PDB file of N, CA and C in Angstrom:
ATOM      1  N   MET A   1       0.828  -1.175   0.000  1.00  0.00           N
ATOM      2  CA  MET A   1       0.000   0.000   0.000  1.00  0.00           C
ATOM      3  C   MET A   1       0.883   1.253   0.000  1.00  0.00           C
ATOM      4  N   PRO A   2       0.592   2.215  -0.834  1.00  0.00           N
ATOM      5  CA  PRO A   2       1.408   3.419  -0.898  1.00  0.00           C
ATOM      6  C   PRO A   2       1.413   4.216   0.404  1.00  0.00           C
ATOM      7  N   GLY A   3       0.382   4.121   1.212  1.00  0.00           N
ATOM      8  CA  GLY A   3       0.328   4.876   2.458  1.00  0.00           C
ATOM      9  C   GLY A   3       1.313   4.381   3.500  1.00  0.00           C
ATOM     10  N   ASN A   4       1.857   3.186   3.304  1.00  0.00           N
ATOM     11  CA  ASN A   4       2.775   2.602   4.278  1.00  0.00           C
ATOM     12  C   ASN A   4       4.245   2.864   3.957  1.00  0.00           C
ATOM     13  N   ILE A   5       4.526   3.523   2.854  1.00  0.00           N
ATOM     14  CA  ILE A   5       5.904   3.791   2.474  1.00  0.00           C
ATOM     15  C   ILE A   5       6.414   4.990   3.268  1.00  0.00           C
ATOM     16  N   ILE A   6       7.588   4.835   3.856  1.00  0.00           N
ATOM     17  CA  ILE A   6       8.178   5.899   4.657  1.00  0.00           C
ATOM     18  C   ILE A   6       9.270   6.575   3.843  1.00  0.00           C
ATOM     19  N   ASP A   7       9.186   7.877   3.728  1.00  0.00           N
ATOM     20  CA  ASP A   7      10.223   8.663   3.083  1.00  0.00           C
ATOM     21  C   ASP A   7      11.236   9.024   4.162  1.00  0.00           C
ATOM     22  N   GLY A   8      12.371   8.342   4.161  1.00  0.00           N
ATOM     23  CA  GLY A   8      13.369   8.514   5.214  1.00  0.00           C
ATOM     24  C   GLY A   8      13.893   9.931   5.327  1.00  0.00           C
ATOM     25  N   GLU A   9      14.139  10.567   4.188  1.00  0.00           N
ATOM     26  CA  GLU A   9      14.644  11.943   4.217  1.00  0.00           C
ATOM     27  C   GLU A   9      13.635  12.879   4.875  1.00  0.00           C
ATOM     28  N   ARG A  10      12.361  12.716   4.517  1.00  0.00           N
ATOM     29  CA  ARG A  10      11.327  13.586   5.097  1.00  0.00           C
ATOM     30  C   ARG A  10      11.140  13.291   6.582  1.00  0.00           C
ATOM     31  N   TRP A  11      11.203  12.002   6.952  1.00  0.00           N
ATOM     32  CA  TRP A  11      11.040  11.635   8.356  1.00  0.00           C
ATOM     33  C   TRP A  11      12.151  12.260   9.191  1.00  0.00           C
ATOM     34  N   ILE A  12      13.388  12.169   8.693  1.00  0.00           N
ATOM     35  CA  ILE A  12      14.521  12.748   9.422  1.00  0.00           C
ATOM     36  C   ILE A  12      14.370  14.259   9.532  1.00  0.00           C
ATOM     37  N   ALA A  13      13.960  14.908   8.445  1.00  0.00           N
ATOM     38  CA  ALA A  13      13.766  16.365   8.476  1.00  0.00           C
ATOM     39  C   ALA A  13      12.695  16.748   9.495  1.00  0.00           C
ATOM     40  N   ASP A  14      11.590  16.008   9.521  1.00  0.00           N
ATOM     41  CA  ASP A  14      10.523  16.286  10.491  1.00  0.00           C
ATOM     42  C   ASP A  14      11.003  16.052  11.920  1.00  0.00           C
ATOM     43  N   ARG A  15      11.753  14.977  12.123  1.00  0.00           N
ATOM     44  CA  ARG A  15      12.253  14.652  13.461  1.00  0.00           C
ATOM     45  C   ARG A  15      13.245  15.723  13.936  1.00  0.00           C
ATOM     46  N   LEU A  16      14.133  16.157  13.039  1.00  0.00           N
ATOM     47  CA  LEU A  16      15.085  17.208  13.402  1.00  0.00           C
ATOM     48  C   LEU A  16      14.362  18.501  13.754  1.00  0.00           C
ATOM     49  N   ARG A  17      13.331  18.838  12.997  1.00  0.00           N
ATOM     50  CA  ARG A  17      12.548  20.038  13.293  1.00  0.00           C
ATOM     51  C   ARG A  17      11.919  19.932  14.680  1.00  0.00           C
ATOM     52  N   PHE A  18      11.364  18.778  14.995  1.00  0.00           N
ATOM     53  CA  PHE A  18      10.748  18.548  16.308  1.00  0.00           C
ATOM     54  C   PHE A  18      11.782  18.657  17.427  1.00  0.00           C
ATOM     55  N   LEU A  19      12.934  18.012  17.231  1.00  0.00           N
ATOM     56  CA  LEU A  19      13.962  18.022  18.274  1.00  0.00           C
ATOM     57  C   LEU A  19      14.521  19.421  18.499  1.00  0.00           C
ATOM     58  N   ARG A  20      14.713  20.174  17.425  1.00  0.00           N
ATOM     59  CA  ARG A  20      15.227  21.546  17.579  1.00  0.00           C
ATOM     60  C   ARG A  20      14.215  22.433  18.293  1.00  0.00           C
ATOM     61  N   ALA A  21      12.933  22.176  18.066  1.00  0.00           N
ATOM     62  CA  ALA A  21      11.893  22.916  18.789  1.00  0.00           C
ATOM     63  C   ALA A  21      11.933  22.562  20.272  1.00  0.00           C
ATOM     64  N   ARG A  22      12.234  21.309  20.582  1.00  0.00           N
ATOM     65  CA  ARG A  22      12.336  20.896  21.989  1.00  0.00           C
ATOM     66  C   ARG A  22      13.493  21.598  22.680  1.00  0.00           C
ATOM     67  N   LEU A  23      14.587  21.834  21.932  1.00  0.00           N
ATOM     68  CA  LEU A  23      15.730  22.524  22.535  1.00  0.00           C
ATOM     69  C   LEU A  23      15.379  23.949  22.938  1.00  0.00           C
ATOM     70  N   ALA A  24      14.400  24.546  22.286  1.00  0.00           N
ATOM     71  CA  ALA A  24      13.980  25.906  22.622  1.00  0.00           C
ATOM     72  C   ALA A  24      13.235  25.939  23.959  1.00  0.00           C
ATOM     73  N   GLU A  25      12.723  24.778  24.373  1.00  0.00           N
ATOM     74  CA  GLU A  25      12.009  24.683  25.651  1.00  0.00           C
ATOM     75  C   GLU A  25      13.018  24.515  26.792  1.00  0.00           C
ATOM     76  N   GLU A  26      12.522  24.646  27.996  1.00  0.00           N
ATOM     77  CA  GLU A  26      13.371  24.377  29.156  1.00  0.00           C
ATOM     78  C   GLU A  26      13.353  22.880  29.420  1.00  0.00           C
ATOM     79  N   LEU A  27      14.523  22.276  29.301  1.00  0.00           N
ATOM     80  CA  LEU A  27      14.660  20.839  29.517  1.00  0.00           C
ATOM     81  C   LEU A  27      15.647  20.582  30.647  1.00  0.00           C
ATOM     82  N   ALA A  28      15.465  19.433  31.290  1.00  0.00           N
ATOM     83  CA  ALA A  28      16.442  19.011  32.284  1.00  0.00           C
ATOM     84  C   ALA A  28      17.767  18.753  31.564  1.00  0.00           C
ATOM     85  N   GLU A  29      18.856  18.830  32.286  1.00  0.00           N
ATOM     86  CA  GLU A  29      20.187  18.688  31.684  1.00  0.00           C
ATOM     87  C   GLU A  29      20.358  17.354  30.956  1.00  0.00           C
ATOM     88  N   ASP A  30      19.886  16.259  31.559  1.00  0.00           N
ATOM     89  CA  ASP A  30      20.028  14.946  30.907  1.00  0.00           C
ATOM     90  C   ASP A  30      19.135  14.833  29.669  1.00  0.00           C
ATOM     91  N   GLU A  31      17.947  15.416  29.720  1.00  0.00           N
ATOM     92  CA  GLU A  31      17.058  15.422  28.564  1.00  0.00           C
ATOM     93  C   GLU A  31      17.662  16.216  27.410  1.00  0.00           C
ATOM     94  N   ARG A  32      18.229  17.366  27.741  1.00  0.00           N
ATOM     95  CA  ARG A  32      18.869  18.217  26.733  1.00  0.00           C
ATOM     96  C   ARG A  32      20.026  17.464  26.065  1.00  0.00           C
ATOM     97  N   ALA A  33      20.807  16.740  26.857  1.00  0.00           N
ATOM     98  CA  ALA A  33      21.928  15.970  26.307  1.00  0.00           C
ATOM     99  C   ALA A  33      21.423  14.883  25.355  1.00  0.00           C
ATOM    100  N   GLN A  34      20.321  14.223  25.714  1.00  0.00           N
ATOM    101  CA  GLN A  34      19.752  13.190  24.844  1.00  0.00           C
ATOM    102  C   GLN A  34      19.258  13.783  23.533  1.00  0.00           C
ATOM    103  N   VAL A  35      18.574  14.910  23.611  1.00  0.00           N
ATOM    104  CA  VAL A  35      18.061  15.563  22.406  1.00  0.00           C
ATOM    105  C   VAL A  35      19.216  15.998  21.510  1.00  0.00           C
ATOM    106  N   GLU A  36      20.249  16.582  22.103  1.00  0.00           N
ATOM    107  CA  GLU A  36      21.398  17.025  21.316  1.00  0.00           C
ATOM    108  C   GLU A  36      22.128  15.857  20.660  1.00  0.00           C
ATOM    109  N   SER A  37      22.236  14.734  21.370  1.00  0.00           N
ATOM    110  CA  SER A  37      22.911  13.578  20.779  1.00  0.00           C
ATOM    111  C   SER A  37      22.082  12.982  19.643  1.00  0.00           C
ATOM    112  N   GLU A  38      20.753  12.978  19.775  1.00  0.00           N
ATOM    113  CA  GLU A  38      19.913  12.479  18.688  1.00  0.00           C
ATOM    114  C   GLU A  38      19.993  13.404  17.471  1.00  0.00           C
ATOM    115  N   ILE A  39      20.051  14.705  17.701  1.00  0.00           N
ATOM    116  CA  ILE A  39      20.202  15.654  16.597  1.00  0.00           C
ATOM    117  C   ILE A  39      21.523  15.394  15.867  1.00  0.00           C
ATOM    118  N   ALA A  40      22.585  15.188  16.616  1.00  0.00           N
ATOM    119  CA  ALA A  40      23.886  14.916  16.003  1.00  0.00           C
ATOM    120  C   ALA A  40      23.847  13.623  15.199  1.00  0.00           C
ATOM    121  N   LEU A  41      23.226  12.603  15.739  1.00  0.00           N
ATOM    122  CA  LEU A  41      23.133  11.313  15.050  1.00  0.00           C
ATOM    123  C   LEU A  41      22.311  11.429  13.769  1.00  0.00           C
ATOM    124  N   LEU A  42      21.158  12.070  13.856  1.00  0.00           N
ATOM    125  CA  LEU A  42      20.305  12.212  12.677  1.00  0.00           C
ATOM    126  C   LEU A  42      20.953  13.113  11.627  1.00  0.00           C
ATOM    127  N   SER A  43      21.642  14.144  12.056  1.00  0.00           N
ATOM    128  CA  SER A  43      22.322  15.022  11.108  1.00  0.00           C
ATOM    129  C   SER A  43      23.404  14.264  10.362  1.00  0.00           C
ATOM    130  N   LYS A  44      24.133  13.415  11.079  1.00  0.00           N
ATOM    131  CA  LYS A  44      25.168  12.607  10.443  1.00  0.00           C
ATOM    132  C   LYS A  44      24.534  11.613   9.465  1.00  0.00           C
ATOM    133  N   GLU A  45      23.444  10.989   9.868  1.00  0.00           N
ATOM    134  CA  GLU A  45      22.738  10.031   9.007  1.00  0.00           C
ATOM    135  C   GLU A  45      22.219  10.716   7.748  1.00  0.00           C
ATOM    136  N   ARG A  46      21.761  11.913   7.910  1.00  0.00           N
ATOM    137  CA  ARG A  46      21.199  12.659   6.791  1.00  0.00           C
ATOM    138  C   ARG A  46      22.293  13.221   5.893  1.00  0.00           C
ATOM    139  N   GLY A  47      23.489  13.336   6.406  1.00  0.00           N
ATOM    140  CA  GLY A  47      24.593  13.832   5.608  1.00  0.00           C
ATOM    141  C   GLY A  47      24.762  15.328   5.670  1.00  0.00           C
ATOM    142  N   VAL A  48      24.271  15.958   6.722  1.00  0.00           N
ATOM    143  CA  VAL A  48      24.411  17.408   6.862  1.00  0.00           C
ATOM    144  C   VAL A  48      25.819  17.701   7.377  1.00  0.00           C
ATOM    145  N   ARG A  49      26.508  18.603   6.716  1.00  0.00           N
ATOM    146  CA  ARG A  49      27.851  18.979   7.141  1.00  0.00           C
ATOM    147  C   ARG A  49      27.770  20.101   8.166  1.00  0.00           C
ATOM    148  N   ALA A  50      28.880  20.421   8.742  1.00  0.00           N
ATOM    149  CA  ALA A  50      28.923  21.455   9.783  1.00  0.00           C
ATOM    150  C   ALA A  50      28.460  22.809   9.264  1.00  0.00           C
ATOM    151  N   ASP A  51      28.667  23.082   7.967  1.00  0.00           N
ATOM    152  CA  ASP A  51      28.245  24.370   7.424  1.00  0.00           C
ATOM    153  C   ASP A  51      26.767  24.399   7.043  1.00  0.00           C
ATOM    154  N   GLY A  52      26.053  23.283   7.302  1.00  0.00           N
ATOM    155  CA  GLY A  52      24.615  23.236   7.053  1.00  0.00           C
ATOM    156  C   GLY A  52      24.234  22.744   5.669  1.00  0.00           C
ATOM    157  N   ARG A  53      25.234  22.560   4.801  1.00  0.00           N
ATOM    158  CA  ARG A  53      24.938  22.072   3.456  1.00  0.00           C
ATOM    159  C   ARG A  53      25.014  20.558   3.426  1.00  0.00           C
ATOM    160  N   ARG A  54      24.407  19.981   2.399  1.00  0.00           N
ATOM    161  CA  ARG A  54      24.422  18.535   2.235  1.00  0.00           C
ATOM    162  C   ARG A  54      25.172  18.179   0.961  1.00  0.00           C
ATOM    163  N   PRO A  55      25.928  17.067   0.987  1.00  0.00           N
ATOM    164  CA  PRO A  55      26.574  16.629  -0.247  1.00  0.00           C
ATOM    165  C   PRO A  55      25.531  16.108  -1.230  1.00  0.00           C
ATOM    166  N   SER A  56      25.915  15.976  -2.481  1.00  0.00           N
ATOM    167  CA  SER A  56      24.960  15.507  -3.482  1.00  0.00           C
ATOM    168  C   SER A  56      24.506  14.089  -3.164  1.00  0.00           C
ATOM    169  N   ARG A  57      23.382  13.691  -3.720  1.00  0.00           N
ATOM    170  CA  ARG A  57      22.858  12.345  -3.489  1.00  0.00           C
ATOM    171  C   ARG A  57      23.815  11.278  -4.003  1.00  0.00           C
ATOM    172  N   LEU A  58      24.488  11.561  -5.099  1.00  0.00           N
ATOM    173  CA  LEU A  58      25.424  10.591  -5.649  1.00  0.00           C
ATOM    174  C   LEU A  58      26.532  10.292  -4.649  1.00  0.00           C
ATOM    175  N   LEU A  59      27.081  11.329  -4.038  1.00  0.00           N
ATOM    176  CA  LEU A  59      28.136  11.117  -3.046  1.00  0.00           C
ATOM    177  C   LEU A  59      27.622  10.350  -1.838  1.00  0.00           C
ATOM    178  N   ARG A  60      26.383  10.636  -1.416  1.00  0.00           N
ATOM    179  CA  ARG A  60      25.820   9.905  -0.276  1.00  0.00           C
ATOM    180  C   ARG A  60      25.616   8.442  -0.619  1.00  0.00           C
ATOM    181  N   ARG A  61      25.187   8.139  -1.836  1.00  0.00           N
ATOM    182  CA  ARG A  61      25.000   6.747  -2.243  1.00  0.00           C
ATOM    183  C   ARG A  61      26.329   6.007  -2.270  1.00  0.00           C
ATOM    184  N   LEU A  62      27.363   6.650  -2.793  1.00  0.00           N
ATOM    185  CA  LEU A  62      28.659   6.020  -2.851  1.00  0.00           C
ATOM    186  C   LEU A  62      29.221   5.772  -1.446  1.00  0.00           C
ATOM    187  N   ARG A  63      28.948   6.691  -0.514  1.00  0.00           N
ATOM    188  CA  ARG A  63      29.430   6.539   0.852  1.00  0.00           C
ATOM    189  C   ARG A  63      28.776   5.356   1.560  1.00  0.00           C
ATOM    190  N   ARG A  64      27.537   5.044   1.224  1.00  0.00           N
ATOM    191  CA  ARG A  64      26.797   3.965   1.887  1.00  0.00           C
ATOM    192  C   ARG A  64      27.259   2.586   1.444  1.00  0.00           C
ATOM    193  N   ARG A  65      27.943   2.493   0.315  1.00  0.00           N
ATOM    194  CA  ARG A  65      28.373   1.169  -0.188  1.00  0.00           C
ATOM    195  C   ARG A  65      29.523   0.630   0.563  1.00  0.00           C
TER     196      ARG A  65
END
């Protein structure tokens, strides 16, 4: 069924948006550390570089092999 297909790029973008919004709230120190570590992990998975840009899809595909 087409409704069950997950777009990984969109899911990661939505999750990052949610997590960054959580950082704007007041969080306990351990919660903040967990959110920041998940953001770092998802950013790395998504291929976001430190300058905020992403490498081309071709380079990401080659890196995954």
